[in-house]
Amino acid sequence: MNLDVSSITIERAHQARKKNIGGKSQTIIAKFLNYKDRDRVFKAKRKLKGVFVREDFSDRVVEKRKQLVFHMNEARRNGKKAFISYDKLIVYDEHGGPPVRVHVTPSMFRSVISTP
């Protein structure tokens, strides 16, 4: 997939507040005018050399995702397909059953992740 940057419209872009540490590039936050442009950039992000593209989540979502990473790794160790989508942990049964959305409660993690 080739990304034609001349056709992408950015509504607003600015540098993040964080200081430039150790000579690394400064973080830029961009808001796309069209969702289709954003989607095209995210689909091509692995092919973009020298550019790191990621979502800019709120502090609340970042904290929740940090909590979910441990449980996602635990589910994967138990042979299940698991990933984080926004602020939810999605766990698939190894037999291809329907996915289970897991909210952040330790008792639910134990029951969903350790089921044979």
C-alpha atoms as a PDB file:
ATOM      1  CA  MET A   1       0.000   0.000   0.000  1.00  0.00           C
ATOM      2  CA  ASN A   2       1.506   3.303  -1.073  1.00  0.00           C
ATOM      3  CA  LEU A   3       0.613   6.329   1.001  1.00  0.00           C
ATOM      4  CA  ASP A   4       0.137   9.529  -0.988  1.00  0.00           C
ATOM      5  CA  VAL A   5       0.750  12.168   1.689  1.00  0.00           C
ATOM      6  CA  SER A   6      -0.257  15.020  -0.607  1.00  0.00           C
ATOM      7  CA  SER A   7      -3.879  13.839  -0.426  1.00  0.00           C
ATOM      8  CA  ILE A   8      -4.020  13.685   3.402  1.00  0.00           C
ATOM      9  CA  THR A   9      -5.645  16.633   5.176  1.00  0.00           C
ATOM     10  CA  ILE A  10      -4.551  17.415   8.727  1.00  0.00           C
ATOM     11  CA  GLU A  11      -6.897  19.660  10.668  1.00  0.00           C
ATOM     12  CA  ARG A  12      -4.426  20.546  13.412  1.00  0.00           C
ATOM     13  CA  ALA A  13      -0.893  19.521  14.408  1.00  0.00           C
ATOM     14  CA  HIS A  14       1.301  20.578  17.323  1.00  0.00           C
ATOM     15  CA  GLN A  15       4.283  19.443  19.351  1.00  0.00           C
ATOM     16  CA  ALA A  16       3.622  17.530  22.557  1.00  0.00           C
ATOM     17  CA  ARG A  17       4.538  19.258  25.806  1.00  0.00           C
ATOM     18  CA  LYS A  18       7.311  16.804  26.640  1.00  0.00           C
ATOM     19  CA  LYS A  19      10.837  18.130  26.311  1.00  0.00           C
ATOM     20  CA  ASN A  20      13.241  16.735  23.758  1.00  0.00           C
ATOM     21  CA  ILE A  21      15.284  14.199  25.759  1.00  0.00           C
ATOM     22  CA  GLY A  22      18.596  12.778  24.611  1.00  0.00           C
ATOM     23  CA  GLY A  23      18.466  14.205  21.109  1.00  0.00           C
ATOM     24  CA  LYS A  24      15.385  12.167  20.155  1.00  0.00           C
ATOM     25  CA  SER A  25      12.809  13.560  17.757  1.00  0.00           C
ATOM     26  CA  GLN A  26      10.048  15.689  19.165  1.00  0.00           C
ATOM     27  CA  THR A  27       6.587  14.126  19.428  1.00  0.00           C
ATOM     28  CA  ILE A  28       3.938  15.653  17.170  1.00  0.00           C
ATOM     29  CA  ILE A  29       0.196  15.245  17.701  1.00  0.00           C
ATOM     30  CA  ALA A  30      -1.908  15.450  14.552  1.00  0.00           C
ATOM     31  CA  LYS A  31      -5.679  15.559  14.164  1.00  0.00           C
ATOM     32  CA  PHE A  32      -6.890  14.395  10.782  1.00  0.00           C
ATOM     33  CA  LEU A  33      -9.751  16.191   9.085  1.00  0.00           C
ATOM     34  CA  ASN A  34     -11.116  12.925   7.673  1.00  0.00           C
ATOM     35  CA  TYR A  35     -11.259   9.583   9.428  1.00  0.00           C
ATOM     36  CA  LYS A  36     -10.393   7.891   6.124  1.00  0.00           C
ATOM     37  CA  ASP A  37      -7.045   9.756   6.070  1.00  0.00           C
ATOM     38  CA  ARG A  38      -6.293   8.663   9.632  1.00  0.00           C
ATOM     39  CA  ASP A  39      -7.217   5.085   8.753  1.00  0.00           C
ATOM     40  CA  ARG A  40      -4.918   5.124   5.701  1.00  0.00           C
ATOM     41  CA  VAL A  41      -1.987   6.367   7.794  1.00  0.00           C
ATOM     42  CA  PHE A  42      -2.577   3.723  10.472  1.00  0.00           C
ATOM     43  CA  LYS A  43      -2.786   0.951   7.884  1.00  0.00           C
ATOM     44  CA  ALA A  44       0.509   2.083   6.325  1.00  0.00           C
ATOM     45  CA  LYS A  45       2.347   2.841   9.593  1.00  0.00           C
ATOM     46  CA  ARG A  46       4.553  -0.257   9.457  1.00  0.00           C
ATOM     47  CA  LYS A  47       5.862   0.787   6.064  1.00  0.00           C
ATOM     48  CA  LEU A  48       6.699   4.346   7.137  1.00  0.00           C
ATOM     49  CA  LYS A  49      10.448   4.509   7.744  1.00  0.00           C
ATOM     50  CA  GLY A  50      11.695   6.723  10.563  1.00  0.00           C
ATOM     51  CA  VAL A  51       8.161   7.485  11.767  1.00  0.00           C
ATOM     52  CA  PHE A  52       6.437   6.032  14.827  1.00  0.00           C
ATOM     53  CA  VAL A  53       2.634   6.265  14.652  1.00  0.00           C
ATOM     54  CA  ARG A  54       0.360   5.482  17.593  1.00  0.00           C
ATOM     55  CA  GLU A  55      -2.928   6.513  19.179  1.00  0.00           C
ATOM     56  CA  ASP A  56      -2.926   9.400  21.638  1.00  0.00           C
ATOM     57  CA  PHE A  57      -4.989   8.007  24.523  1.00  0.00           C
ATOM     58  CA  SER A  58      -6.131   9.942  27.575  1.00  0.00           C
ATOM     59  CA  ASP A  59      -4.323   9.359  30.882  1.00  0.00           C
ATOM     60  CA  ARG A  60      -7.281   7.279  32.127  1.00  0.00           C
ATOM     61  CA  VAL A  61      -7.124   4.963  29.113  1.00  0.00           C
ATOM     62  CA  VAL A  62      -3.329   4.656  29.334  1.00  0.00           C
ATOM     63  CA  GLU A  63      -3.602   3.588  32.998  1.00  0.00           C
ATOM     64  CA  LYS A  64      -6.302   1.050  32.197  1.00  0.00           C
ATOM     65  CA  ARG A  65      -4.255  -0.378  29.312  1.00  0.00           C
ATOM     66  CA  LYS A  66      -1.229  -0.748  31.633  1.00  0.00           C
ATOM     67  CA  GLN A  67      -3.381  -2.821  33.999  1.00  0.00           C
ATOM     68  CA  LEU A  68      -4.627  -4.983  31.126  1.00  0.00           C
ATOM     69  CA  VAL A  69      -1.179  -5.863  29.717  1.00  0.00           C
ATOM     70  CA  PHE A  70      -0.378  -8.268  32.570  1.00  0.00           C
ATOM     71  CA  HIS A  71      -3.701 -10.078  32.125  1.00  0.00           C
ATOM     72  CA  MET A  72      -3.318 -10.172  28.347  1.00  0.00           C
ATOM     73  CA  ASN A  73       0.110 -11.821  28.691  1.00  0.00           C
ATOM     74  CA  GLU A  74      -1.306 -14.298  31.211  1.00  0.00           C
ATOM     75  CA  ALA A  75      -4.100 -15.258  28.801  1.00  0.00           C
ATOM     76  CA  ARG A  76      -1.557 -15.739  26.002  1.00  0.00           C
ATOM     77  CA  ARG A  77       0.567 -17.978  28.226  1.00  0.00           C
ATOM     78  CA  ASN A  78      -2.573 -20.091  28.743  1.00  0.00           C
ATOM     79  CA  GLY A  79      -2.870 -20.586  24.974  1.00  0.00           C
ATOM     80  CA  LYS A  80      -5.575 -18.018  24.270  1.00  0.00           C
ATOM     81  CA  LYS A  81      -5.505 -15.303  21.646  1.00  0.00           C
ATOM     82  CA  ALA A  82      -5.724 -11.975  23.485  1.00  0.00           C
ATOM     83  CA  PHE A  83      -5.299  -8.323  22.588  1.00  0.00           C
ATOM     84  CA  ILE A  84      -6.221  -4.889  23.903  1.00  0.00           C
ATOM     85  CA  SER A  85      -8.699  -2.772  21.984  1.00  0.00           C
ATOM     86  CA  TYR A  86      -8.886   0.817  23.271  1.00  0.00           C
ATOM     87  CA  ASP A  87      -9.477   0.161  27.000  1.00  0.00           C
ATOM     88  CA  LYS A  88     -10.831  -3.417  26.836  1.00  0.00           C
ATOM     89  CA  LEU A  89      -9.100  -6.783  26.868  1.00  0.00           C
ATOM     90  CA  ILE A  90     -10.412  -9.146  24.196  1.00  0.00           C
ATOM     91  CA  VAL A  91      -9.780 -12.852  24.826  1.00  0.00           C
ATOM     92  CA  TYR A  92     -10.537 -15.584  22.266  1.00  0.00           C
ATOM     93  CA  ASP A  93     -10.918 -19.191  23.285  1.00  0.00           C
ATOM     94  CA  GLU A  94      -8.297 -21.479  21.734  1.00  0.00           C
ATOM     95  CA  HIS A  95     -11.155 -23.455  20.151  1.00  0.00           C
ATOM     96  CA  GLY A  96     -12.274 -20.466  18.092  1.00  0.00           C
ATOM     97  CA  GLY A  97     -15.273 -19.592  20.239  1.00  0.00           C
ATOM     98  CA  PRO A  98     -16.688 -16.076  20.428  1.00  0.00           C
ATOM     99  CA  PRO A  99     -14.452 -13.426  21.999  1.00  0.00           C
ATOM    100  CA  VAL A 100     -14.974 -12.359  25.585  1.00  0.00           C
ATOM    101  CA  ARG A 101     -14.644  -8.668  26.474  1.00  0.00           C
ATOM    102  CA  VAL A 102     -13.036  -8.384  29.859  1.00  0.00           C
ATOM    103  CA  HIS A 103     -13.423  -5.372  32.106  1.00  0.00           C
ATOM    104  CA  VAL A 104     -10.894  -4.554  34.811  1.00  0.00           C
ATOM    105  CA  THR A 105     -11.908  -6.710  37.768  1.00  0.00           C
ATOM    106  CA  PRO A 106      -9.430  -9.300  39.085  1.00  0.00           C
ATOM    107  CA  SER A 107     -12.070 -11.986  39.711  1.00  0.00           C
ATOM    108  CA  MET A 108     -13.233 -11.829  36.086  1.00  0.00           C
ATOM    109  CA  PHE A 109      -9.650 -12.138  34.850  1.00  0.00           C
ATOM    110  CA  ARG A 110      -9.080 -15.291  36.863  1.00  0.00           C
ATOM    111  CA  SER A 111     -12.256 -16.931  35.557  1.00  0.00           C
ATOM    112  CA  VAL A 112     -11.793 -15.965  31.904  1.00  0.00           C
ATOM    113  CA  ILE A 113      -8.049 -16.462  31.593  1.00  0.00           C
ATOM    114  CA  SER A 114      -7.658 -19.738  33.473  1.00  0.00           C
ATOM    115  CA  THR A 115     -10.609 -21.629  31.958  1.00  0.00           C
ATOM    116  CA  PRO A 116      -9.435 -24.818  30.244  1.00  0.00           C
END
